[in-house]
Amino acid sequence: MVPFVDIHTHRREVLPGVVSVYSLRMGVESCRGLTGPFWAGVHPWDCSSVDRETLDRLAEIGAAGIGEIGLDRVRGRLDGQYPWFEAQLSVAVRRGLPVALHVVRASEEAIAAVRASNIDADRVMVHGFAGGAGLLRRYLDQGYLVSAGWRALASDKSREALAAVPSDRLLLETDGVGDIMEVYEAVARVRGCATEELKANVYDTYTRFLRL
């Protein structure tokens, strides 16, 4: 049976029938006890409190991808976040890993940094998408994947955008909040499809994205 995929969570739990990809905040948390695929990265909120040795550990930790990384204009100064973002993109390129982006009110700056890194666009996922059709189109035009959860279901404009994401570019997440199965059911209603169809499409996208 095809499992549900929670592509981004902050809860360390094993659920029957669910593949949960944990997001590890490097320099803040330990990877001890993690099972299954996980993201690892220096979150933009943590850039001022971690040391450069964290990058060395990031390159060696065995993560399935680098994330969540990015730029957040609401929490801190972008000029302090840029060096970490660019350095981690370089790690991803060097090791051939995908990235999960955390972007808040800095989409154009993040897109420019990703483009400069020369990472393959199909190895980039925007985590926690919440926005309208215009923002979605900017990400899709770059070739990125989009991961959505409760935030995208919270407003009419985000739901409308969510309905327009191509099936092979959509991933789903809880971000550690609520039940992933309920996310799938809600997104299926928005997209006018069966939950089982959505589950199969997301699983195919997940395996292709992480190159499993």
Protein backbone atom coordinates (compact mmCIF):
# COMPACT_ATOMS: atom_id res chain seq x y z
CA MET A 1 0.00 0.00 0.00
CA VAL A 2 1.29 3.48 -0.87
CA PRO A 3 2.08 5.41 2.32
CA PHE A 4 1.23 8.98 3.16
CA VAL A 5 4.28 11.25 2.99
CA ASP A 6 4.78 14.08 5.46
CA ILE A 7 7.69 15.78 3.73
CA HIS A 8 8.42 18.19 6.59
CA THR A 9 7.72 17.64 10.26
CA HIS A 10 9.21 18.63 13.61
CA ARG A 11 7.76 15.67 15.50
CA ARG A 12 9.91 12.62 16.13
CA GLU A 13 7.38 9.87 15.84
CA VAL A 14 6.86 6.75 13.76
CA LEU A 15 3.31 6.45 12.45
CA PRO A 16 1.93 3.38 10.67
CA GLY A 17 1.38 4.01 6.99
CA VAL A 18 3.25 7.35 7.05
CA VAL A 19 6.71 8.32 5.84
CA SER A 20 7.69 11.30 7.99
CA VAL A 21 10.72 13.37 6.99
CA TYR A 22 12.00 15.08 10.14
CA SER A 23 13.51 18.57 9.89
CA LEU A 24 16.59 18.81 12.14
CA ARG A 25 17.76 22.28 13.23
CA MET A 26 21.54 21.99 13.19
CA GLY A 27 23.28 23.58 16.14
CA VAL A 28 20.05 23.40 18.16
CA GLU A 29 19.10 19.71 18.12
CA SER A 30 20.89 16.35 18.11
CA CYS A 31 20.37 13.76 15.40
CA ARG A 32 20.51 10.94 17.94
CA GLY A 33 17.56 8.61 17.68
CA LEU A 34 16.44 9.74 14.23
CA THR A 35 15.17 6.97 11.98
CA GLY A 36 14.26 7.22 8.33
CA PRO A 37 15.00 10.13 6.00
CA PHE A 38 15.53 13.57 7.52
CA TRP A 39 16.39 17.13 6.57
CA ALA A 40 19.26 18.90 8.30
CA GLY A 41 20.19 22.55 8.11
CA VAL A 42 20.81 25.82 9.89
CA HIS A 43 17.42 27.50 10.13
CA PRO A 44 17.51 31.23 9.31
CA TRP A 45 16.29 31.94 12.85
CA ASP A 46 19.41 30.26 14.25
CA CYS A 47 22.09 31.93 12.11
CA SER A 48 23.28 34.25 14.88
CA SER A 49 23.70 31.46 17.43
CA VAL A 50 25.59 28.68 15.62
CA ASP A 51 29.27 28.30 14.75
CA ARG A 52 30.95 27.60 11.42
CA GLU A 53 31.86 24.05 12.46
CA THR A 54 28.16 23.30 12.07
CA LEU A 55 28.66 23.40 8.30
CA ASP A 56 31.26 20.66 8.51
CA ARG A 57 28.89 18.50 10.53
CA LEU A 58 26.08 19.24 8.08
CA ALA A 59 28.13 17.85 5.20
CA GLU A 60 28.78 14.61 7.09
CA ILE A 61 25.58 13.90 8.97
CA GLY A 62 23.90 11.69 6.35
CA ALA A 63 20.77 13.74 5.78
CA ALA A 64 18.51 13.07 2.81
CA GLY A 65 18.46 16.79 2.09
CA ILE A 66 19.54 20.22 3.34
CA GLY A 67 16.81 22.17 5.08
CA GLU A 68 15.10 24.02 6.23
CA ILE A 69 17.31 26.85 5.05
CA GLY A 70 16.57 30.25 3.62
CA LEU A 71 15.69 33.85 4.35
CA ASP A 72 13.17 35.29 6.78
CA ARG A 73 12.70 39.05 6.77
CA VAL A 74 10.34 38.89 9.76
CA ARG A 75 12.84 37.15 12.08
CA GLY A 76 16.23 38.82 11.89
CA ARG A 77 18.32 40.66 9.31
CA LEU A 78 18.74 39.19 5.85
CA ASP A 79 22.40 40.24 5.68
CA GLY A 80 23.10 37.93 8.64
CA GLN A 81 21.20 35.06 7.02
CA TYR A 82 22.69 35.28 3.51
CA PRO A 83 26.12 33.74 4.29
CA TRP A 84 24.55 30.69 5.91
CA PHE A 85 22.01 30.30 3.12
CA GLU A 86 24.64 30.50 0.40
CA ALA A 87 27.05 28.18 2.23
CA GLN A 88 24.37 25.54 2.72
CA LEU A 89 23.28 25.75 -0.90
CA SER A 90 26.94 25.04 -1.75
CA VAL A 91 26.89 21.95 0.49
CA ALA A 92 23.75 20.73 -1.27
CA VAL A 93 25.29 21.22 -4.71
CA ARG A 94 28.56 19.55 -3.69
CA ARG A 95 26.80 16.52 -2.22
CA GLY A 96 24.02 16.30 -4.80
CA LEU A 97 21.24 16.80 -2.24
CA PRO A 98 17.85 18.50 -2.48
CA VAL A 99 17.01 21.56 -0.39
CA ALA A 100 13.93 22.63 1.59
CA LEU A 101 13.51 26.41 1.61
CA HIS A 102 12.10 28.54 4.41
CA VAL A 103 11.22 31.87 2.80
CA VAL A 104 9.26 34.67 4.48
CA ARG A 105 8.83 37.99 2.67
CA ALA A 106 12.08 37.45 0.78
CA SER A 107 11.07 35.41 -2.26
CA GLU A 108 12.98 37.42 -4.84
CA GLU A 109 16.15 37.43 -2.75
CA ALA A 110 15.86 33.68 -2.15
CA ILE A 111 15.26 32.95 -5.82
CA ALA A 112 18.33 35.00 -6.77
CA ALA A 113 20.53 33.15 -4.26
CA VAL A 114 19.29 29.75 -5.42
CA ARG A 115 19.89 30.67 -9.05
CA ALA A 116 23.44 31.83 -8.24
CA SER A 117 24.18 28.50 -6.52
CA ASN A 118 23.60 26.56 -9.75
CA ILE A 119 21.61 23.88 -7.97
CA ASP A 120 19.23 21.99 -10.26
CA ALA A 121 15.80 23.61 -9.95
CA ASP A 122 14.06 20.25 -9.57
CA ARG A 123 16.07 19.69 -6.36
CA VAL A 124 14.47 22.74 -4.69
CA MET A 125 11.32 22.58 -2.57
CA VAL A 126 9.56 25.58 -1.03
CA HIS A 127 8.44 24.35 2.37
CA GLY A 128 5.28 25.66 4.04
CA PHE A 129 3.89 27.49 1.02
CA ALA A 130 1.28 30.10 1.85
CA GLY A 131 0.49 32.76 -0.71
CA GLY A 132 -1.48 33.63 -3.77
CA ALA A 133 -1.30 32.74 -7.43
CA GLY A 134 1.42 35.31 -8.16
CA LEU A 135 3.86 33.93 -5.59
CA LEU A 136 3.11 30.37 -6.65
CA ARG A 137 3.79 31.24 -10.29
CA ARG A 138 7.18 32.76 -9.41
CA TYR A 139 8.23 29.53 -7.72
CA LEU A 140 6.84 27.26 -10.43
CA ASP A 141 8.48 29.34 -13.16
CA GLN A 142 11.83 28.63 -11.48
CA GLY A 143 11.15 24.89 -11.67
CA TYR A 144 10.75 24.42 -7.89
CA LEU A 145 8.49 21.98 -6.07
CA VAL A 146 6.01 23.30 -3.53
CA SER A 147 5.15 21.73 -0.17
CA ALA A 148 1.89 22.74 1.47
CA GLY A 149 0.00 22.06 4.67
CA TRP A 150 -2.36 23.82 7.03
CA ARG A 151 -1.03 27.31 6.24
CA ALA A 152 -1.99 26.91 2.59
CA LEU A 153 -5.47 25.79 3.63
CA ALA A 154 -6.05 28.81 5.86
CA SER A 155 -7.07 31.41 3.26
CA ASP A 156 -9.05 31.57 0.04
CA LYS A 157 -6.11 32.87 -2.02
CA SER A 158 -3.78 30.11 -0.78
CA ARG A 159 -6.38 27.41 -1.41
CA GLU A 160 -6.90 28.75 -4.93
CA ALA A 161 -3.16 28.65 -5.54
CA LEU A 162 -2.91 25.15 -4.05
CA ALA A 163 -5.51 23.89 -6.50
CA ALA A 164 -3.30 25.07 -9.39
CA VAL A 165 -0.04 23.30 -8.42
CA PRO A 166 0.80 20.63 -11.03
CA SER A 167 0.49 17.12 -9.59
CA ASP A 168 4.16 16.34 -10.18
CA ARG A 169 5.33 19.46 -8.31
CA LEU A 170 3.23 19.10 -5.12
CA LEU A 171 4.31 17.69 -1.75
CA LEU A 172 2.39 17.80 1.54
CA GLU A 173 3.45 18.39 5.12
CA THR A 174 2.26 19.00 8.66
CA ASP A 175 5.24 21.10 9.79
CA GLY A 176 4.69 19.25 13.05
CA VAL A 177 1.06 20.36 13.49
CA GLY A 178 -1.95 18.06 13.26
CA ASP A 179 -2.53 14.85 11.31
CA ILE A 180 -1.01 14.35 7.85
CA MET A 181 -3.98 12.22 6.80
CA GLU A 182 -6.29 15.16 7.49
CA VAL A 183 -4.03 17.38 5.41
CA TYR A 184 -4.38 14.99 2.48
CA GLU A 185 -8.15 14.85 2.84
CA ALA A 186 -8.44 18.64 2.95
CA VAL A 187 -6.09 19.16 -0.01
CA ALA A 188 -7.94 16.50 -2.02
CA ARG A 189 -11.18 18.43 -1.51
CA VAL A 190 -9.52 21.67 -2.63
CA ARG A 191 -8.09 19.99 -5.74
CA GLY A 192 -11.25 18.02 -6.53
CA CYS A 193 -9.59 14.61 -6.55
CA ALA A 194 -9.68 11.40 -4.52
CA THR A 195 -7.39 11.16 -1.50
CA GLU A 196 -5.90 7.91 -2.84
CA GLU A 197 -5.04 9.59 -6.14
CA LEU A 198 -3.40 12.48 -4.31
CA LYS A 199 -1.49 10.08 -2.08
CA ALA A 200 -0.12 8.16 -5.09
CA ASN A 201 0.93 11.37 -6.85
CA VAL A 202 2.67 12.78 -3.79
CA TYR A 203 4.51 9.53 -3.15
CA ASP A 204 5.77 9.45 -6.75
CA THR A 205 6.94 13.06 -6.44
CA TYR A 206 8.62 12.33 -3.11
CA THR A 207 10.62 9.37 -4.44
CA ARG A 208 11.67 11.32 -7.52
CA PHE A 209 12.61 14.42 -5.52
CA LEU A 210 14.78 12.53 -3.02
CA ARG A 211 15.96 10.14 -5.75
CA LEU A 212 15.08 7.06 -3.75
